[in-house]
């Protein structure tokens, strides 16, 4: 019997533009699960649409190297601020 392995991450379906300034910000637990499932420690993770930076933070948190790109200047600023906060905590 197949079950929904994502049911325990309630934040995954919540709107975030009002809270975080980006329409599709992902829950950190969701990013962690994806990074852990589809890569190994030390791997390089490329994020082609960085957005708010959730996947980059998850990659760093899970001992992966990460790089990405984003064309929207506001989202770049948002991601940079979020990553600085993560790295300083």
PDB file of N, CA and C in Angstrom:
ATOM      1  N   UNK A   1       0.839  -1.183   0.000  1.00  0.00           N
ATOM      2  CA  UNK A   1       0.000   0.000   0.000  1.00  0.00           C
ATOM      3  C   UNK A   1       0.885   1.249   0.000  1.00  0.00           C
ATOM      4  N   UNK A   2       0.624   2.164  -0.886  1.00  0.00           N
ATOM      5  CA  UNK A   2       1.397   3.392  -0.997  1.00  0.00           C
ATOM      6  C   UNK A   2       0.750   4.476  -0.155  1.00  0.00           C
ATOM      7  N   UNK A   3       1.588   5.234   0.553  1.00  0.00           N
ATOM      8  CA  UNK A   3       1.070   6.337   1.356  1.00  0.00           C
ATOM      9  C   UNK A   3       1.712   7.642   0.894  1.00  0.00           C
ATOM     10  N   UNK A   4       1.206   8.740   1.383  1.00  0.00           N
ATOM     11  CA  UNK A   4       1.727  10.048   1.040  1.00  0.00           C
ATOM     12  C   UNK A   4       2.894  10.370   1.961  1.00  0.00           C
ATOM     13  N   UNK A   5       4.118  10.330   1.436  1.00  0.00           N
ATOM     14  CA  UNK A   5       5.302  10.581   2.259  1.00  0.00           C
ATOM     15  C   UNK A   5       5.512  12.063   2.542  1.00  0.00           C
ATOM     16  N   UNK A   6       4.700  12.935   1.962  1.00  0.00           N
ATOM     17  CA  UNK A   6       4.837  14.370   2.148  1.00  0.00           C
ATOM     18  C   UNK A   6       3.824  14.923   3.153  1.00  0.00           C
ATOM     19  N   UNK A   7       2.945  14.095   3.667  1.00  0.00           N
ATOM     20  CA  UNK A   7       1.853  14.558   4.530  1.00  0.00           C
ATOM     21  C   UNK A   7       2.338  15.202   5.825  1.00  0.00           C
ATOM     22  N   UNK A   8       3.538  14.885   6.265  1.00  0.00           N
ATOM     23  CA  UNK A   8       4.033  15.426   7.528  1.00  0.00           C
ATOM     24  C   UNK A   8       4.633  16.824   7.399  1.00  0.00           C
ATOM     25  N   UNK A   9       4.683  17.366   6.198  1.00  0.00           N
ATOM     26  CA  UNK A   9       5.250  18.699   5.990  1.00  0.00           C
ATOM     27  C   UNK A   9       4.113  19.656   5.658  1.00  0.00           C
ATOM     28  N   UNK A  10       3.483  20.198   6.695  1.00  0.00           N
ATOM     29  CA  UNK A  10       2.304  21.041   6.495  1.00  0.00           C
ATOM     30  C   UNK A  10       2.638  22.349   5.807  1.00  0.00           C
ATOM     31  N   UNK A  11       3.846  22.871   6.018  1.00  0.00           N
ATOM     32  CA  UNK A  11       4.227  24.145   5.417  1.00  0.00           C
ATOM     33  C   UNK A  11       4.323  24.067   3.898  1.00  0.00           C
ATOM     34  N   UNK A  12       4.422  22.881   3.344  1.00  0.00           N
ATOM     35  CA  UNK A  12       4.625  22.720   1.907  1.00  0.00           C
ATOM     36  C   UNK A  12       3.470  23.258   1.085  1.00  0.00           C
ATOM     37  N   UNK A  13       2.298  23.336   1.654  1.00  0.00           N
ATOM     38  CA  UNK A  13       1.142  23.787   0.889  1.00  0.00           C
ATOM     39  C   UNK A  13       0.648  25.175   1.282  1.00  0.00           C
ATOM     40  N   UNK A  14       1.386  25.856   2.121  1.00  0.00           N
ATOM     41  CA  UNK A  14       0.941  27.169   2.591  1.00  0.00           C
ATOM     42  C   UNK A  14       1.476  28.279   1.697  1.00  0.00           C
ATOM     43  N   UNK A  15       0.663  29.296   1.480  1.00  0.00           N
ATOM     44  CA  UNK A  15       1.082  30.458   0.702  1.00  0.00           C
ATOM     45  C   UNK A  15       2.116  31.245   1.505  1.00  0.00           C
ATOM     46  N   UNK A  16       3.097  31.798   0.825  1.00  0.00           N
ATOM     47  CA  UNK A  16       4.155  32.472   1.551  1.00  0.00           C
ATOM     48  C   UNK A  16       4.463  33.884   1.075  1.00  0.00           C
ATOM     49  N   UNK A  17       3.830  34.356   0.045  1.00  0.00           N
ATOM     50  CA  UNK A  17       4.193  35.678  -0.477  1.00  0.00           C
ATOM     51  C   UNK A  17       3.998  36.777   0.560  1.00  0.00           C
ATOM     52  N   UNK A  18       2.958  36.664   1.386  1.00  0.00           N
ATOM     53  CA  UNK A  18       2.730  37.685   2.411  1.00  0.00           C
ATOM     54  C   UNK A  18       3.802  37.607   3.497  1.00  0.00           C
ATOM     55  N   UNK A  19       4.222  36.418   3.852  1.00  0.00           N
ATOM     56  CA  UNK A  19       5.177  36.230   4.941  1.00  0.00           C
ATOM     57  C   UNK A  19       6.618  36.468   4.517  1.00  0.00           C
ATOM     58  N   UNK A  20       6.968  36.044   3.302  1.00  0.00           N
ATOM     59  CA  UNK A  20       8.379  35.991   2.934  1.00  0.00           C
ATOM     60  C   UNK A  20       8.762  36.763   1.682  1.00  0.00           C
ATOM     61  N   UNK A  21       7.815  37.288   0.946  1.00  0.00           N
ATOM     62  CA  UNK A  21       8.137  38.068  -0.219  1.00  0.00           C
ATOM     63  C   UNK A  21       8.370  37.288  -1.498  1.00  0.00           C
ATOM     64  N   UNK A  22       8.098  36.000  -1.487  1.00  0.00           N
ATOM     65  CA  UNK A  22       8.260  35.178  -2.682  1.00  0.00           C
ATOM     66  C   UNK A  22       7.057  34.250  -2.801  1.00  0.00           C
ATOM     67  N   UNK A  23       6.472  34.118  -3.996  1.00  0.00           N
ATOM     68  CA  UNK A  23       5.229  33.351  -4.132  1.00  0.00           C
ATOM     69  C   UNK A  23       5.376  31.835  -3.996  1.00  0.00           C
ATOM     70  N   UNK A  24       6.565  31.309  -4.187  1.00  0.00           N
ATOM     71  CA  UNK A  24       6.705  29.841  -4.144  1.00  0.00           C
ATOM     72  C   UNK A  24       7.803  29.380  -3.197  1.00  0.00           C
ATOM     73  N   UNK A  25       7.962  30.079  -2.079  1.00  0.00           N
ATOM     74  CA  UNK A  25       8.974  29.658  -1.108  1.00  0.00           C
ATOM     75  C   UNK A  25       8.637  28.259  -0.614  1.00  0.00           C
ATOM     76  N   UNK A  26       9.654  27.429  -0.481  1.00  0.00           N
ATOM     77  CA  UNK A  26       9.443  26.045  -0.069  1.00  0.00           C
ATOM     78  C   UNK A  26       9.805  25.863   1.398  1.00  0.00           C
ATOM     79  N   UNK A  27       9.088  24.974   2.048  1.00  0.00           N
ATOM     80  CA  UNK A  27       9.384  24.651   3.437  1.00  0.00           C
ATOM     81  C   UNK A  27      10.780  24.032   3.517  1.00  0.00           C
ATOM     82  N   UNK A  28      11.544  24.425   4.535  1.00  0.00           N
ATOM     83  CA  UNK A  28      12.901  23.907   4.678  1.00  0.00           C
ATOM     84  C   UNK A  28      12.904  22.384   4.833  1.00  0.00           C
ATOM     85  N   UNK A  29      11.926  21.838   5.543  1.00  0.00           N
ATOM     86  CA  UNK A  29      11.836  20.379   5.698  1.00  0.00           C
ATOM     87  C   UNK A  29      11.640  19.699   4.349  1.00  0.00           C
ATOM     88  N   UNK A  30      10.864  20.305   3.476  1.00  0.00           N
ATOM     89  CA  UNK A  30      10.642  19.760   2.140  1.00  0.00           C
ATOM     90  C   UNK A  30      11.943  19.768   1.347  1.00  0.00           C
ATOM     91  N   UNK A  31      12.657  20.890   1.375  1.00  0.00           N
ATOM     92  CA  UNK A  31      13.938  20.976   0.667  1.00  0.00           C
ATOM     93  C   UNK A  31      14.943  19.971   1.219  1.00  0.00           C
ATOM     94  N   UNK A  32      14.996  19.852   2.543  1.00  0.00           N
ATOM     95  CA  UNK A  32      15.902  18.876   3.159  1.00  0.00           C
ATOM     96  C   UNK A  32      15.595  17.469   2.671  1.00  0.00           C
ATOM     97  N   UNK A  33      14.337  17.110   2.647  1.00  0.00           N
ATOM     98  CA  UNK A  33      13.961  15.765   2.218  1.00  0.00           C
ATOM     99  C   UNK A  33      14.366  15.519   0.759  1.00  0.00           C
ATOM    100  N   UNK A  34      14.135  16.482  -0.101  1.00  0.00           N
ATOM    101  CA  UNK A  34      14.492  16.331  -1.513  1.00  0.00           C
ATOM    102  C   UNK A  34      16.009  16.224  -1.677  1.00  0.00           C
ATOM    103  N   UNK A  35      16.757  17.099  -1.003  1.00  0.00           N
ATOM    104  CA  UNK A  35      18.222  17.083  -1.092  1.00  0.00           C
ATOM    105  C   UNK A  35      18.775  15.762  -0.552  1.00  0.00           C
ATOM    106  N   UNK A  36      18.286  15.320   0.586  1.00  0.00           N
ATOM    107  CA  UNK A  36      18.779  14.071   1.190  1.00  0.00           C
ATOM    108  C   UNK A  36      18.440  12.855   0.339  1.00  0.00           C
ATOM    109  N   UNK A  37      17.278  12.866  -0.292  1.00  0.00           N
ATOM    110  CA  UNK A  37      16.825  11.719  -1.074  1.00  0.00           C
ATOM    111  C   UNK A  37      17.542  11.608  -2.416  1.00  0.00           C
ATOM    112  N   UNK A  38      17.873  12.746  -3.013  1.00  0.00           N
ATOM    113  CA  UNK A  38      18.370  12.728  -4.386  1.00  0.00           C
ATOM    114  C   UNK A  38      19.836  13.123  -4.541  1.00  0.00           C
ATOM    115  N   UNK A  39      20.579  13.170  -3.432  1.00  0.00           N
ATOM    116  CA  UNK A  39      22.005  13.476  -3.524  1.00  0.00           C
ATOM    117  C   UNK A  39      22.728  12.884  -2.317  1.00  0.00           C
ATOM    118  N   UNK A  40      24.036  12.937  -2.395  1.00  0.00           N
ATOM    119  CA  UNK A  40      24.873  12.441  -1.299  1.00  0.00           C
ATOM    120  C   UNK A  40      25.704  13.582  -0.734  1.00  0.00           C
ATOM    121  N   UNK A  41      26.169  13.421   0.510  1.00  0.00           N
ATOM    122  CA  UNK A  41      27.037  14.432   1.099  1.00  0.00           C
ATOM    123  C   UNK A  41      28.221  14.671   0.177  1.00  0.00           C
ATOM    124  N   UNK A  42      28.590  15.930   0.023  1.00  0.00           N
ATOM    125  CA  UNK A  42      29.703  16.302  -0.832  1.00  0.00           C
ATOM    126  C   UNK A  42      29.322  16.563  -2.287  1.00  0.00           C
ATOM    127  N   UNK A  43      28.117  16.165  -2.683  1.00  0.00           N
ATOM    128  CA  UNK A  43      27.670  16.412  -4.060  1.00  0.00           C
ATOM    129  C   UNK A  43      27.513  17.914  -4.305  1.00  0.00           C
ATOM    130  N   UNK A  44      27.503  18.266  -5.577  1.00  0.00           N
ATOM    131  CA  UNK A  44      27.257  19.646  -5.982  1.00  0.00           C
ATOM    132  C   UNK A  44      25.809  19.756  -6.420  1.00  0.00           C
ATOM    133  N   UNK A  45      25.102  20.716  -5.843  1.00  0.00           N
ATOM    134  CA  UNK A  45      23.695  20.950  -6.154  1.00  0.00           C
ATOM    135  C   UNK A  45      23.598  22.240  -6.963  1.00  0.00           C
ATOM    136  N   UNK A  46      22.967  22.173  -8.118  1.00  0.00           N
ATOM    137  CA  UNK A  46      22.719  23.368  -8.929  1.00  0.00           C
ATOM    138  C   UNK A  46      21.240  23.702  -8.866  1.00  0.00           C
ATOM    139  N   UNK A  47      20.946  24.939  -8.509  1.00  0.00           N
ATOM    140  CA  UNK A  47      19.565  25.419  -8.426  1.00  0.00           C
ATOM    141  C   UNK A  47      19.394  26.480  -9.516  1.00  0.00           C
ATOM    142  N   UNK A  48      18.702  26.143 -10.615  1.00  0.00           N
ATOM    143  CA  UNK A  48      18.604  27.084 -11.735  1.00  0.00           C
ATOM    144  C   UNK A  48      17.705  28.288 -11.471  1.00  0.00           C
ATOM    145  N   UNK A  49      16.809  28.186 -10.511  1.00  0.00           N
ATOM    146  CA  UNK A  49      15.912  29.290 -10.158  1.00  0.00           C
ATOM    147  C   UNK A  49      15.951  29.430  -8.645  1.00  0.00           C
ATOM    148  N   UNK A  50      16.892  30.198  -8.134  1.00  0.00           N
ATOM    149  CA  UNK A  50      17.148  30.272  -6.696  1.00  0.00           C
ATOM    150  C   UNK A  50      15.959  30.809  -5.906  1.00  0.00           C
ATOM    151  N   UNK A  51      15.248  31.771  -6.447  1.00  0.00           N
ATOM    152  CA  UNK A  51      14.103  32.319  -5.725  1.00  0.00           C
ATOM    153  C   UNK A  51      14.508  32.871  -4.375  1.00  0.00           C
ATOM    154  N   UNK A  52      13.952  32.338  -3.306  1.00  0.00           N
ATOM    155  CA  UNK A  52      14.264  32.828  -1.958  1.00  0.00           C
ATOM    156  C   UNK A  52      15.452  32.116  -1.320  1.00  0.00           C
ATOM    157  N   UNK A  53      16.016  31.111  -1.976  1.00  0.00           N
ATOM    158  CA  UNK A  53      17.230  30.457  -1.487  1.00  0.00           C
ATOM    159  C   UNK A  53      17.036  29.218  -0.641  1.00  0.00           C
ATOM    160  N   UNK A  54      15.818  28.711  -0.533  1.00  0.00           N
ATOM    161  CA  UNK A  54      15.560  27.553   0.338  1.00  0.00           C
ATOM    162  C   UNK A  54      16.386  26.327  -0.026  1.00  0.00           C
ATOM    163  N   UNK A  55      16.514  26.029  -1.321  1.00  0.00           N
ATOM    164  CA  UNK A  55      17.260  24.841  -1.737  1.00  0.00           C
ATOM    165  C   UNK A  55      18.754  24.997  -1.473  1.00  0.00           C
ATOM    166  N   UNK A  56      19.286  26.209  -1.650  1.00  0.00           N
ATOM    167  CA  UNK A  56      20.706  26.459  -1.378  1.00  0.00           C
ATOM    168  C   UNK A  56      20.989  26.260   0.107  1.00  0.00           C
ATOM    169  N   UNK A  57      20.140  26.807   0.948  1.00  0.00           N
ATOM    170  CA  UNK A  57      20.306  26.643   2.395  1.00  0.00           C
ATOM    171  C   UNK A  57      20.231  25.172   2.777  1.00  0.00           C
ATOM    172  N   UNK A  58      19.289  24.452   2.204  1.00  0.00           N
ATOM    173  CA  UNK A  58      19.162  23.033   2.497  1.00  0.00           C
ATOM    174  C   UNK A  58      20.404  22.264   2.060  1.00  0.00           C
ATOM    175  N   UNK A  59      20.929  22.600   0.899  1.00  0.00           N
ATOM    176  CA  UNK A  59      22.141  21.923   0.419  1.00  0.00           C
ATOM    177  C   UNK A  59      23.299  22.142   1.389  1.00  0.00           C
ATOM    178  N   UNK A  60      23.505  23.376   1.815  1.00  0.00           N
ATOM    179  CA  UNK A  60      24.578  23.683   2.764  1.00  0.00           C
ATOM    180  C   UNK A  60      24.340  22.964   4.086  1.00  0.00           C
ATOM    181  N   UNK A  61      23.104  23.023   4.568  1.00  0.00           N
ATOM    182  CA  UNK A  61      22.734  22.374   5.833  1.00  0.00           C
ATOM    183  C   UNK A  61      22.981  20.866   5.784  1.00  0.00           C
ATOM    184  N   UNK A  62      22.845  20.270   4.611  1.00  0.00           N
ATOM    185  CA  UNK A  62      23.005  18.823   4.450  1.00  0.00           C
ATOM    186  C   UNK A  62      24.355  18.431   3.846  1.00  0.00           C
ATOM    187  N   UNK A  63      25.348  19.294   4.034  1.00  0.00           N
ATOM    188  CA  UNK A  63      26.729  19.020   3.636  1.00  0.00           C
ATOM    189  C   UNK A  63      26.911  18.769   2.139  1.00  0.00           C
ATOM    190  N   UNK A  64      26.233  19.587   1.344  1.00  0.00           N
ATOM    191  CA  UNK A  64      26.431  19.584  -0.099  1.00  0.00           C
ATOM    192  C   UNK A  64      26.996  20.942  -0.496  1.00  0.00           C
ATOM    193  N   UNK A  65      27.645  20.975  -1.633  1.00  0.00           N
ATOM    194  CA  UNK A  65      28.070  22.247  -2.207  1.00  0.00           C
ATOM    195  C   UNK A  65      26.927  22.724  -3.082  1.00  0.00           C
ATOM    196  N   UNK A  66      26.725  24.025  -3.165  1.00  0.00           N
ATOM    197  CA  UNK A  66      25.580  24.516  -3.923  1.00  0.00           C
ATOM    198  C   UNK A  66      25.902  25.798  -4.656  1.00  0.00           C
ATOM    199  N   UNK A  67      25.294  25.932  -5.822  1.00  0.00           N
ATOM    200  CA  UNK A  67      25.326  27.195  -6.541  1.00  0.00           C
ATOM    201  C   UNK A  67      24.058  27.296  -7.362  1.00  0.00           C
ATOM    202  N   UNK A  68      23.719  28.505  -7.720  1.00  0.00           N
ATOM    203  CA  UNK A  68      22.482  28.697  -8.466  1.00  0.00           C
ATOM    204  C   UNK A  68      22.467  30.037  -9.159  1.00  0.00           C
ATOM    205  N   UNK A  69      21.374  30.308  -9.831  1.00  0.00           N
ATOM    206  CA  UNK A  69      21.215  31.591 -10.513  1.00  0.00           C
ATOM    207  C   UNK A  69      19.770  32.059 -10.389  1.00  0.00           C
ATOM    208  N   UNK A  70      19.612  33.356 -10.521  1.00  0.00           N
ATOM    209  CA  UNK A  70      18.294  33.971 -10.413  1.00  0.00           C
ATOM    210  C   UNK A  70      18.350  35.293 -11.167  1.00  0.00           C
ATOM    211  N   UNK A  71      17.383  35.554 -12.042  1.00  0.00           N
ATOM    212  CA  UNK A  71      17.403  36.793 -12.817  1.00  0.00           C
ATOM    213  C   UNK A  71      16.647  37.941 -12.151  1.00  0.00           C
ATOM    214  N   UNK A  72      15.775  37.630 -11.212  1.00  0.00           N
ATOM    215  CA  UNK A  72      15.000  38.664 -10.540  1.00  0.00           C
ATOM    216  C   UNK A  72      15.840  39.272  -9.410  1.00  0.00           C
ATOM    217  N   UNK A  73      16.152  40.554  -9.524  1.00  0.00           N
ATOM    218  CA  UNK A  73      17.020  41.218  -8.545  1.00  0.00           C
ATOM    219  C   UNK A  73      16.443  41.204  -7.128  1.00  0.00           C
ATOM    220  N   UNK A  74      15.130  41.352  -7.020  1.00  0.00           N
ATOM    221  CA  UNK A  74      14.496  41.337  -5.696  1.00  0.00           C
ATOM    222  C   UNK A  74      14.639  39.966  -5.038  1.00  0.00           C
ATOM    223  N   UNK A  75      14.481  38.910  -5.830  1.00  0.00           N
ATOM    224  CA  UNK A  75      14.627  37.562  -5.287  1.00  0.00           C
ATOM    225  C   UNK A  75      16.082  37.281  -4.930  1.00  0.00           C
ATOM    226  N   UNK A  76      17.017  37.821  -5.718  1.00  0.00           N
ATOM    227  CA  UNK A  76      18.441  37.678  -5.380  1.00  0.00           C
ATOM    228  C   UNK A  76      18.723  38.295  -4.018  1.00  0.00           C
ATOM    229  N   UNK A  77      18.186  39.487  -3.814  1.00  0.00           N
ATOM    230  CA  UNK A  77      18.369  40.178  -2.537  1.00  0.00           C
ATOM    231  C   UNK A  77      17.746  39.378  -1.397  1.00  0.00           C
ATOM    232  N   UNK A  78      16.540  38.878  -1.617  1.00  0.00           N
ATOM    233  CA  UNK A  78      15.847  38.066  -0.614  1.00  0.00           C
ATOM    234  C   UNK A  78      16.660  36.816  -0.267  1.00  0.00           C
ATOM    235  N   UNK A  79      17.144  36.117  -1.287  1.00  0.00           N
ATOM    236  CA  UNK A  79      17.926  34.894  -1.068  1.00  0.00           C
ATOM    237  C   UNK A  79      19.229  35.202  -0.341  1.00  0.00           C
ATOM    238  N   UNK A  80      19.874  36.275  -0.728  1.00  0.00           N
ATOM    239  CA  UNK A  80      21.140  36.654  -0.098  1.00  0.00           C
ATOM    240  C   UNK A  80      20.944  36.936   1.387  1.00  0.00           C
ATOM    241  N   UNK A  81      19.894  37.687   1.716  1.00  0.00           N
ATOM    242  CA  UNK A  81      19.593  37.994   3.122  1.00  0.00           C
ATOM    243  C   UNK A  81      19.274  36.720   3.910  1.00  0.00           C
ATOM    244  N   UNK A  82      18.501  35.843   3.295  1.00  0.00           N
ATOM    245  CA  UNK A  82      18.126  34.586   3.956  1.00  0.00           C
ATOM    246  C   UNK A  82      19.354  33.703   4.188  1.00  0.00           C
ATOM    247  N   UNK A  83      20.246  33.640   3.210  1.00  0.00           N
ATOM    248  CA  UNK A  83      21.463  32.826   3.351  1.00  0.00           C
ATOM    249  C   UNK A  83      22.407  33.416   4.389  1.00  0.00           C
ATOM    250  N   UNK A  84      22.546  34.744   4.430  1.00  0.00           N
ATOM    251  CA  UNK A  84      23.387  35.382   5.443  1.00  0.00           C
ATOM    252  C   UNK A  84      22.874  35.056   6.836  1.00  0.00           C
ATOM    253  N   UNK A  85      21.561  35.151   7.017  1.00  0.00           N
ATOM    254  CA  UNK A  85      20.966  34.838   8.324  1.00  0.00           C
ATOM    255  C   UNK A  85      21.248  33.385   8.699  1.00  0.00           C
ATOM    256  N   UNK A  86      21.083  32.468   7.759  1.00  0.00           N
ATOM    257  CA  UNK A  86      21.331  31.056   8.017  1.00  0.00           C
ATOM    258  C   UNK A  86      22.790  30.818   8.401  1.00  0.00           C
ATOM    259  N   UNK A  87      23.713  31.418   7.675  1.00  0.00           N
ATOM    260  CA  UNK A  87      25.128  31.200   7.927  1.00  0.00           C
ATOM    261  C   UNK A  87      25.599  31.846   9.231  1.00  0.00           C
ATOM    262  N   UNK A  88      24.904  32.883   9.690  1.00  0.00           N
ATOM    263  CA  UNK A  88      25.273  33.551  10.937  1.00  0.00           C
ATOM    264  C   UNK A  88      24.633  32.938  12.160  1.00  0.00           C
ATOM    265  N   UNK A  89      23.631  32.086  11.980  1.00  0.00           N
ATOM    266  CA  UNK A  89      22.958  31.445  13.133  1.00  0.00           C
ATOM    267  C   UNK A  89      23.748  30.275  13.665  1.00  0.00           C
TER     268      UNK A  89
END
